[in-house]
Each structure stands twice: as structure tokens, then as C-alpha cells.
Amino acid sequence: MTTETRTGTGKVVLGVVAAVALASLGNAAVSYLAQALGADPDTVEGLKPQGYVVLTALGVIVAAVAWAMIRKRAKDPARTLGKVVPVVVVLSFLADIPVFFLPGASVIGVLALMVMHVVVAAVAVPIFRRVLPV
């Protein structure tokens, strides 16, 4: 398939919804494990469902838009995405670093937030490949 392949809006929306749902379930498991290991969700707000579900949805939606733009504009979208996705995931960890400095925050809690970024990418990328092929 080429990047010119037309993709139905309904299929893309369904893919985004599926990515949000599945990544949220994965992030729930990460949160549960982190809390079992002593992370405090009252200190690390991203371990609460109202935190990680909203941020997961936001991340997936932004990623889908970026994926679609790269798919449309890059000369070699597969290669571009292969470079951009890992860099963006690693850069997204920077958003979690300030949490280390909150009173009562644990390394486990912050590492769990970082793992959640990986979960979102691990779920979203295969879905995007299917609904927005490059």
C-alpha cells in the first residue's frame, strides 16, 4: 500500500478509540502493579484512572494526527515514523521527571508513569499501522 491509500474516517476513529481503550487497560495494570509496590496515587496523580485515561486519550489523539500528517507529507513515511516514534516516546519521559521532586513521590511511581508512555506506543503503533497504513 502506498501513502495515497485512502482510509475511511470511521475506521480511523474506531482505531483511535480501540487504542485509547486498550492502552488504558494496559496502563491500569501498570498503575495497579506500581501501587502494589508502594507507589502513592495521591502523590503521583498519573496513577489514578482519571489521570492516566485522560492523558492516554490525549496522547493517542495527538499521535494519530501526527502519524496522519507524516503519512501524508513525508517522502518515506515508514522510515520517518520508524525514527520519530522512539524519539517521541523517550522525549515524553521528560514530562515525568518533575514528579520525582514532589514530596512523597517514589521512583516506582515515576517509573510507572514512564512505562505507561511505552504501553501507549506499544498499543497505538500497531493499530495505526492497520488503520493508517504507510
N, C-alpha and C. Protein backbone atom coordinates (compact mmCIF):
# COMPACT_ATOMS: atom_id res chain seq x y z
N MET A 1 0.84 -1.19 0.00
CA MET A 1 0.00 0.00 0.00
C MET A 1 0.87 1.24 0.00
N THR A 2 0.40 2.24 -0.64
CA THR A 2 1.13 3.50 -0.65
C THR A 2 0.49 4.45 0.35
N THR A 3 1.18 5.56 0.58
CA THR A 3 0.63 6.56 1.49
C THR A 3 -0.61 7.22 0.91
N GLU A 4 -0.83 7.00 -0.38
CA GLU A 4 -2.01 7.57 -1.01
C GLU A 4 -3.26 6.74 -0.73
N THR A 5 -3.08 5.60 -0.08
CA THR A 5 -4.22 4.75 0.24
C THR A 5 -5.22 5.55 1.06
N ARG A 6 -6.44 5.53 0.62
CA ARG A 6 -7.48 6.26 1.34
C ARG A 6 -7.95 5.41 2.51
N THR A 7 -8.13 6.06 3.61
CA THR A 7 -8.57 5.37 4.81
C THR A 7 -9.88 5.98 5.26
N GLY A 8 -10.87 5.15 5.51
CA GLY A 8 -12.15 5.66 5.96
C GLY A 8 -12.06 6.29 7.33
N THR A 9 -12.74 7.41 7.49
CA THR A 9 -12.72 8.12 8.76
C THR A 9 -13.24 7.24 9.89
N GLY A 10 -14.29 6.49 9.63
CA GLY A 10 -14.84 5.62 10.66
C GLY A 10 -13.83 4.59 11.14
N LYS A 11 -13.06 4.05 10.21
CA LYS A 11 -12.04 3.06 10.55
C LYS A 11 -10.96 3.70 11.43
N VAL A 12 -10.56 4.91 11.10
CA VAL A 12 -9.54 5.60 11.88
C VAL A 12 -10.07 5.92 13.27
N VAL A 13 -11.29 6.44 13.35
CA VAL A 13 -11.88 6.76 14.65
C VAL A 13 -11.99 5.51 15.51
N LEU A 14 -12.44 4.43 14.91
CA LEU A 14 -12.54 3.17 15.65
C LEU A 14 -11.16 2.72 16.13
N GLY A 15 -10.15 2.87 15.29
CA GLY A 15 -8.79 2.53 15.68
C GLY A 15 -8.30 3.37 16.83
N VAL A 16 -8.57 4.66 16.79
CA VAL A 16 -8.16 5.55 17.88
C VAL A 16 -8.88 5.17 19.17
N VAL A 17 -10.18 4.92 19.09
CA VAL A 17 -10.94 4.52 20.28
C VAL A 17 -10.40 3.20 20.84
N ALA A 18 -10.10 2.26 19.95
CA ALA A 18 -9.55 0.98 20.40
C ALA A 18 -8.19 1.17 21.05
N ALA A 19 -7.36 2.03 20.47
CA ALA A 19 -6.04 2.30 21.05
C ALA A 19 -6.16 2.93 22.43
N VAL A 20 -7.08 3.87 22.58
CA VAL A 20 -7.29 4.50 23.89
C VAL A 20 -7.76 3.46 24.91
N ALA A 21 -8.72 2.64 24.52
CA ALA A 21 -9.27 1.64 25.45
C ALA A 21 -8.21 0.62 25.85
N LEU A 22 -7.52 0.06 24.86
CA LEU A 22 -6.53 -0.97 25.16
C LEU A 22 -5.33 -0.42 25.92
N ALA A 23 -4.87 0.76 25.54
CA ALA A 23 -3.74 1.37 26.26
C ALA A 23 -4.15 1.74 27.68
N SER A 24 -5.39 2.17 27.87
CA SER A 24 -5.87 2.49 29.22
C SER A 24 -5.91 1.24 30.08
N LEU A 25 -6.32 0.12 29.50
CA LEU A 25 -6.31 -1.14 30.25
C LEU A 25 -4.88 -1.53 30.62
N GLY A 26 -3.97 -1.39 29.68
CA GLY A 26 -2.56 -1.67 29.98
C GLY A 26 -2.02 -0.76 31.05
N ASN A 27 -2.39 0.51 30.97
CA ASN A 27 -1.92 1.47 31.97
C ASN A 27 -2.56 1.21 33.33
N ALA A 28 -3.77 0.68 33.35
CA ALA A 28 -4.40 0.30 34.61
C ALA A 28 -3.57 -0.80 35.28
N ALA A 29 -3.11 -1.76 34.49
CA ALA A 29 -2.28 -2.84 35.04
C ALA A 29 -0.96 -2.28 35.58
N VAL A 30 -0.35 -1.35 34.85
CA VAL A 30 0.89 -0.74 35.31
C VAL A 30 0.64 0.02 36.61
N SER A 31 -0.44 0.77 36.67
CA SER A 31 -0.78 1.53 37.87
C SER A 31 -1.01 0.59 39.06
N TYR A 32 -1.75 -0.46 38.83
CA TYR A 32 -2.05 -1.42 39.90
C TYR A 32 -0.75 -2.02 40.44
N LEU A 33 0.14 -2.42 39.54
CA LEU A 33 1.41 -3.01 39.96
C LEU A 33 2.25 -1.99 40.73
N ALA A 34 2.31 -0.76 40.22
CA ALA A 34 3.09 0.28 40.90
C ALA A 34 2.56 0.53 42.31
N GLN A 35 1.24 0.57 42.42
CA GLN A 35 0.65 0.79 43.75
C GLN A 35 0.92 -0.40 44.67
N ALA A 36 0.88 -1.61 44.11
CA ALA A 36 1.18 -2.81 44.91
C ALA A 36 2.63 -2.77 45.40
N LEU A 37 3.49 -2.11 44.63
CA LEU A 37 4.90 -1.99 45.01
C LEU A 37 5.17 -0.75 45.86
N GLY A 38 4.11 -0.01 46.22
CA GLY A 38 4.26 1.10 47.15
C GLY A 38 4.09 2.49 46.60
N ALA A 39 3.84 2.66 45.31
CA ALA A 39 3.64 4.00 44.75
C ALA A 39 2.32 4.57 45.27
N ASP A 40 2.34 5.84 45.58
CA ASP A 40 1.17 6.52 46.15
C ASP A 40 0.44 7.32 45.06
N PRO A 41 -0.78 6.89 44.70
CA PRO A 41 -1.51 7.61 43.65
C PRO A 41 -1.96 9.01 44.09
N ASP A 42 -1.96 9.27 45.38
CA ASP A 42 -2.30 10.62 45.82
C ASP A 42 -1.14 11.58 45.59
N THR A 43 0.07 11.04 45.51
CA THR A 43 1.24 11.86 45.21
C THR A 43 1.51 11.87 43.71
N VAL A 44 1.41 10.71 43.09
CA VAL A 44 1.64 10.57 41.65
C VAL A 44 0.27 10.46 40.99
N GLU A 45 -0.30 11.60 40.68
CA GLU A 45 -1.67 11.68 40.17
C GLU A 45 -1.89 10.85 38.90
N GLY A 46 -0.85 10.68 38.11
CA GLY A 46 -0.97 9.92 36.88
C GLY A 46 -1.25 8.45 37.09
N LEU A 47 -1.21 7.99 38.33
CA LEU A 47 -1.52 6.60 38.64
C LEU A 47 -3.02 6.40 38.91
N LYS A 48 -3.75 7.49 38.94
CA LYS A 48 -5.20 7.41 39.12
C LYS A 48 -5.87 7.31 37.76
N PRO A 49 -6.97 6.54 37.66
CA PRO A 49 -7.63 6.40 36.36
C PRO A 49 -7.98 7.73 35.70
N GLN A 50 -8.47 8.69 36.47
CA GLN A 50 -8.83 9.98 35.87
C GLN A 50 -7.61 10.71 35.33
N GLY A 51 -6.43 10.33 35.77
CA GLY A 51 -5.20 10.89 35.23
C GLY A 51 -4.75 10.15 33.99
N TYR A 52 -4.53 8.84 34.13
CA TYR A 52 -3.94 8.12 33.00
C TYR A 52 -4.90 7.90 31.84
N VAL A 53 -6.20 7.81 32.08
CA VAL A 53 -7.12 7.62 30.95
C VAL A 53 -7.18 8.89 30.10
N VAL A 54 -7.29 10.03 30.76
CA VAL A 54 -7.35 11.31 30.02
C VAL A 54 -6.05 11.54 29.26
N LEU A 55 -4.91 11.32 29.93
CA LEU A 55 -3.63 11.55 29.26
C LEU A 55 -3.38 10.52 28.16
N THR A 56 -3.84 9.30 28.36
CA THR A 56 -3.72 8.28 27.31
C THR A 56 -4.53 8.71 26.09
N ALA A 57 -5.76 9.15 26.30
CA ALA A 57 -6.60 9.60 25.18
C ALA A 57 -5.95 10.77 24.46
N LEU A 58 -5.47 11.73 25.21
CA LEU A 58 -4.82 12.89 24.61
C LEU A 58 -3.59 12.46 23.80
N GLY A 59 -2.78 11.60 24.38
CA GLY A 59 -1.58 11.13 23.69
C GLY A 59 -1.90 10.38 22.41
N VAL A 60 -2.89 9.50 22.46
CA VAL A 60 -3.26 8.72 21.28
C VAL A 60 -3.81 9.64 20.19
N ILE A 61 -4.64 10.59 20.56
CA ILE A 61 -5.21 11.50 19.56
C ILE A 61 -4.12 12.35 18.90
N VAL A 62 -3.23 12.91 19.71
CA VAL A 62 -2.14 13.72 19.16
C VAL A 62 -1.25 12.85 18.27
N ALA A 63 -0.97 11.63 18.72
CA ALA A 63 -0.13 10.72 17.93
C ALA A 63 -0.80 10.36 16.61
N ALA A 64 -2.10 10.14 16.63
CA ALA A 64 -2.81 9.79 15.40
C ALA A 64 -2.75 10.94 14.39
N VAL A 65 -2.92 12.15 14.88
CA VAL A 65 -2.85 13.32 13.99
C VAL A 65 -1.44 13.45 13.41
N ALA A 66 -0.43 13.31 14.27
CA ALA A 66 0.95 13.40 13.80
C ALA A 66 1.26 12.29 12.80
N TRP A 67 0.80 11.08 13.10
CA TRP A 67 1.01 9.93 12.20
C TRP A 67 0.40 10.23 10.83
N ALA A 68 -0.83 10.73 10.84
CA ALA A 68 -1.52 11.04 9.58
C ALA A 68 -0.78 12.12 8.80
N MET A 69 -0.27 13.12 9.50
CA MET A 69 0.47 14.19 8.83
C MET A 69 1.77 13.66 8.22
N ILE A 70 2.49 12.85 8.97
CA ILE A 70 3.73 12.27 8.45
C ILE A 70 3.42 11.35 7.28
N ARG A 71 2.38 10.58 7.42
CA ARG A 71 1.95 9.65 6.36
C ARG A 71 1.69 10.41 5.06
N LYS A 72 1.09 11.58 5.20
CA LYS A 72 0.71 12.36 4.02
C LYS A 72 1.88 13.14 3.42
N ARG A 73 2.78 13.63 4.27
CA ARG A 73 3.78 14.59 3.81
C ARG A 73 5.19 14.06 3.64
N ALA A 74 5.55 13.01 4.34
CA ALA A 74 6.93 12.52 4.27
C ALA A 74 7.17 11.76 2.97
N LYS A 75 8.39 11.86 2.45
CA LYS A 75 8.76 11.11 1.25
C LYS A 75 8.72 9.61 1.55
N ASP A 76 9.22 9.24 2.71
CA ASP A 76 9.26 7.84 3.13
C ASP A 76 8.65 7.77 4.54
N PRO A 77 7.31 7.74 4.62
CA PRO A 77 6.67 7.81 5.94
C PRO A 77 7.03 6.66 6.87
N ALA A 78 7.21 5.47 6.34
CA ALA A 78 7.55 4.34 7.22
C ALA A 78 8.90 4.58 7.88
N ARG A 79 9.85 5.04 7.11
CA ARG A 79 11.19 5.34 7.66
C ARG A 79 11.12 6.50 8.65
N THR A 80 10.39 7.53 8.28
CA THR A 80 10.25 8.70 9.16
C THR A 80 9.61 8.29 10.48
N LEU A 81 8.53 7.55 10.42
CA LEU A 81 7.86 7.11 11.64
C LEU A 81 8.76 6.19 12.46
N GLY A 82 9.54 5.37 11.79
CA GLY A 82 10.47 4.48 12.49
C GLY A 82 11.51 5.24 13.29
N LYS A 83 11.80 6.44 12.86
CA LYS A 83 12.75 7.29 13.60
C LYS A 83 12.03 8.17 14.63
N VAL A 84 10.89 8.72 14.23
CA VAL A 84 10.20 9.69 15.09
C VAL A 84 9.56 9.04 16.31
N VAL A 85 8.91 7.91 16.14
CA VAL A 85 8.17 7.29 17.25
C VAL A 85 9.06 7.02 18.46
N PRO A 86 10.21 6.34 18.31
CA PRO A 86 11.03 6.09 19.50
C PRO A 86 11.56 7.38 20.15
N VAL A 87 11.90 8.35 19.33
CA VAL A 87 12.40 9.62 19.87
C VAL A 87 11.30 10.31 20.67
N VAL A 88 10.09 10.34 20.15
CA VAL A 88 8.98 10.98 20.85
C VAL A 88 8.68 10.26 22.17
N VAL A 89 8.71 8.94 22.15
CA VAL A 89 8.46 8.18 23.39
C VAL A 89 9.51 8.53 24.44
N VAL A 90 10.77 8.54 24.06
CA VAL A 90 11.83 8.86 25.01
C VAL A 90 11.69 10.31 25.50
N LEU A 91 11.40 11.22 24.59
CA LEU A 91 11.22 12.62 24.99
C LEU A 91 10.01 12.79 25.91
N SER A 92 9.00 11.94 25.74
CA SER A 92 7.82 12.04 26.60
C SER A 92 8.15 11.73 28.06
N PHE A 93 9.23 11.00 28.29
CA PHE A 93 9.64 10.71 29.67
C PHE A 93 10.00 12.00 30.42
N LEU A 94 10.42 13.01 29.68
CA LEU A 94 10.80 14.28 30.32
C LEU A 94 9.64 14.89 31.11
N ALA A 95 8.43 14.65 30.66
CA ALA A 95 7.26 15.19 31.36
C ALA A 95 7.11 14.58 32.75
N ASP A 96 7.67 13.39 32.97
CA ASP A 96 7.54 12.72 34.25
C ASP A 96 8.64 13.07 35.24
N ILE A 97 9.74 13.60 34.77
CA ILE A 97 10.87 13.89 35.65
C ILE A 97 10.51 14.84 36.78
N PRO A 98 9.74 15.91 36.55
CA PRO A 98 9.40 16.80 37.69
C PRO A 98 8.67 16.08 38.82
N VAL A 99 7.99 14.98 38.52
CA VAL A 99 7.26 14.25 39.56
C VAL A 99 8.23 13.69 40.59
N PHE A 100 9.48 13.39 40.18
CA PHE A 100 10.49 12.91 41.14
C PHE A 100 10.66 13.88 42.30
N PHE A 101 10.40 15.15 42.06
CA PHE A 101 10.67 16.18 43.07
C PHE A 101 9.47 16.50 43.95
N LEU A 102 8.35 15.82 43.74
CA LEU A 102 7.19 16.02 44.59
C LEU A 102 7.41 15.31 45.92
N PRO A 103 7.06 15.95 47.02
CA PRO A 103 7.20 15.28 48.32
C PRO A 103 6.38 13.99 48.35
N GLY A 104 7.02 12.90 48.69
CA GLY A 104 6.33 11.62 48.79
C GLY A 104 6.33 10.80 47.51
N ALA A 105 6.84 11.38 46.43
CA ALA A 105 6.88 10.62 45.17
C ALA A 105 7.96 9.55 45.26
N SER A 106 7.67 8.41 44.68
CA SER A 106 8.64 7.32 44.71
C SER A 106 9.19 7.07 43.31
N VAL A 107 10.35 6.46 43.27
CA VAL A 107 10.95 6.09 42.00
C VAL A 107 10.00 5.13 41.26
N ILE A 108 9.38 4.23 42.00
CA ILE A 108 8.45 3.28 41.38
C ILE A 108 7.30 4.00 40.70
N GLY A 109 6.74 5.01 41.37
CA GLY A 109 5.63 5.76 40.79
C GLY A 109 6.02 6.47 39.51
N VAL A 110 7.19 7.10 39.52
CA VAL A 110 7.64 7.83 38.33
C VAL A 110 8.01 6.87 37.20
N LEU A 111 8.67 5.78 37.55
CA LEU A 111 8.99 4.79 36.52
C LEU A 111 7.73 4.19 35.92
N ALA A 112 6.70 4.02 36.74
CA ALA A 112 5.42 3.52 36.23
C ALA A 112 4.84 4.49 35.20
N LEU A 113 4.94 5.78 35.48
CA LEU A 113 4.44 6.77 34.50
C LEU A 113 5.20 6.63 33.18
N MET A 114 6.50 6.43 33.26
CA MET A 114 7.31 6.29 32.05
C MET A 114 6.93 5.01 31.30
N VAL A 115 6.70 3.94 32.03
CA VAL A 115 6.28 2.69 31.40
C VAL A 115 4.94 2.89 30.69
N MET A 116 4.08 3.72 31.26
CA MET A 116 2.78 3.98 30.64
C MET A 116 2.94 4.60 29.25
N HIS A 117 3.96 5.43 29.07
CA HIS A 117 4.21 6.01 27.74
C HIS A 117 4.54 4.90 26.74
N VAL A 118 5.34 3.95 27.19
CA VAL A 118 5.71 2.83 26.33
C VAL A 118 4.49 1.97 26.01
N VAL A 119 3.63 1.76 27.00
CA VAL A 119 2.40 0.99 26.79
C VAL A 119 1.55 1.64 25.71
N VAL A 120 1.38 2.95 25.80
CA VAL A 120 0.56 3.66 24.81
C VAL A 120 1.15 3.47 23.41
N ALA A 121 2.46 3.64 23.29
CA ALA A 121 3.09 3.47 21.97
C ALA A 121 2.97 2.02 21.49
N ALA A 122 3.18 1.08 22.39
CA ALA A 122 3.13 -0.34 22.01
C ALA A 122 1.74 -0.75 21.54
N VAL A 123 0.72 -0.10 22.06
CA VAL A 123 -0.65 -0.39 21.64
C VAL A 123 -1.01 0.41 20.38
N ALA A 124 -0.69 1.69 20.38
CA ALA A 124 -1.14 2.58 19.30
C ALA A 124 -0.45 2.30 17.96
N VAL A 125 0.84 2.05 17.98
CA VAL A 125 1.57 1.90 16.71
C VAL A 125 1.01 0.76 15.86
N PRO A 126 0.81 -0.44 16.39
CA PRO A 126 0.24 -1.49 15.53
C PRO A 126 -1.16 -1.16 15.02
N ILE A 127 -1.94 -0.47 15.83
CA ILE A 127 -3.28 -0.08 15.40
C ILE A 127 -3.19 0.98 14.30
N PHE A 128 -2.31 1.95 14.48
CA PHE A 128 -2.13 2.98 13.44
C PHE A 128 -1.63 2.35 12.14
N ARG A 129 -0.77 1.37 12.24
CA ARG A 129 -0.29 0.70 11.02
C ARG A 129 -1.43 0.06 10.25
N ARG A 130 -2.44 -0.36 10.99
CA ARG A 130 -3.58 -1.02 10.35
C ARG A 130 -4.58 0.00 9.78
N VAL A 131 -4.87 1.06 10.57
CA VAL A 131 -5.91 2.00 10.12
C VAL A 131 -5.35 3.19 9.33
N LEU A 132 -4.06 3.43 9.47
CA LEU A 132 -3.38 4.49 8.71
C LEU A 132 -2.09 3.91 8.12
N PRO A 133 -2.21 2.95 7.21
CA PRO A 133 -1.01 2.26 6.70
C PRO A 133 -0.07 3.19 5.97
N VAL A 134 1.21 2.87 6.08
CA VAL A 134 2.23 3.66 5.37
C VAL A 134 2.89 2.81 4.32
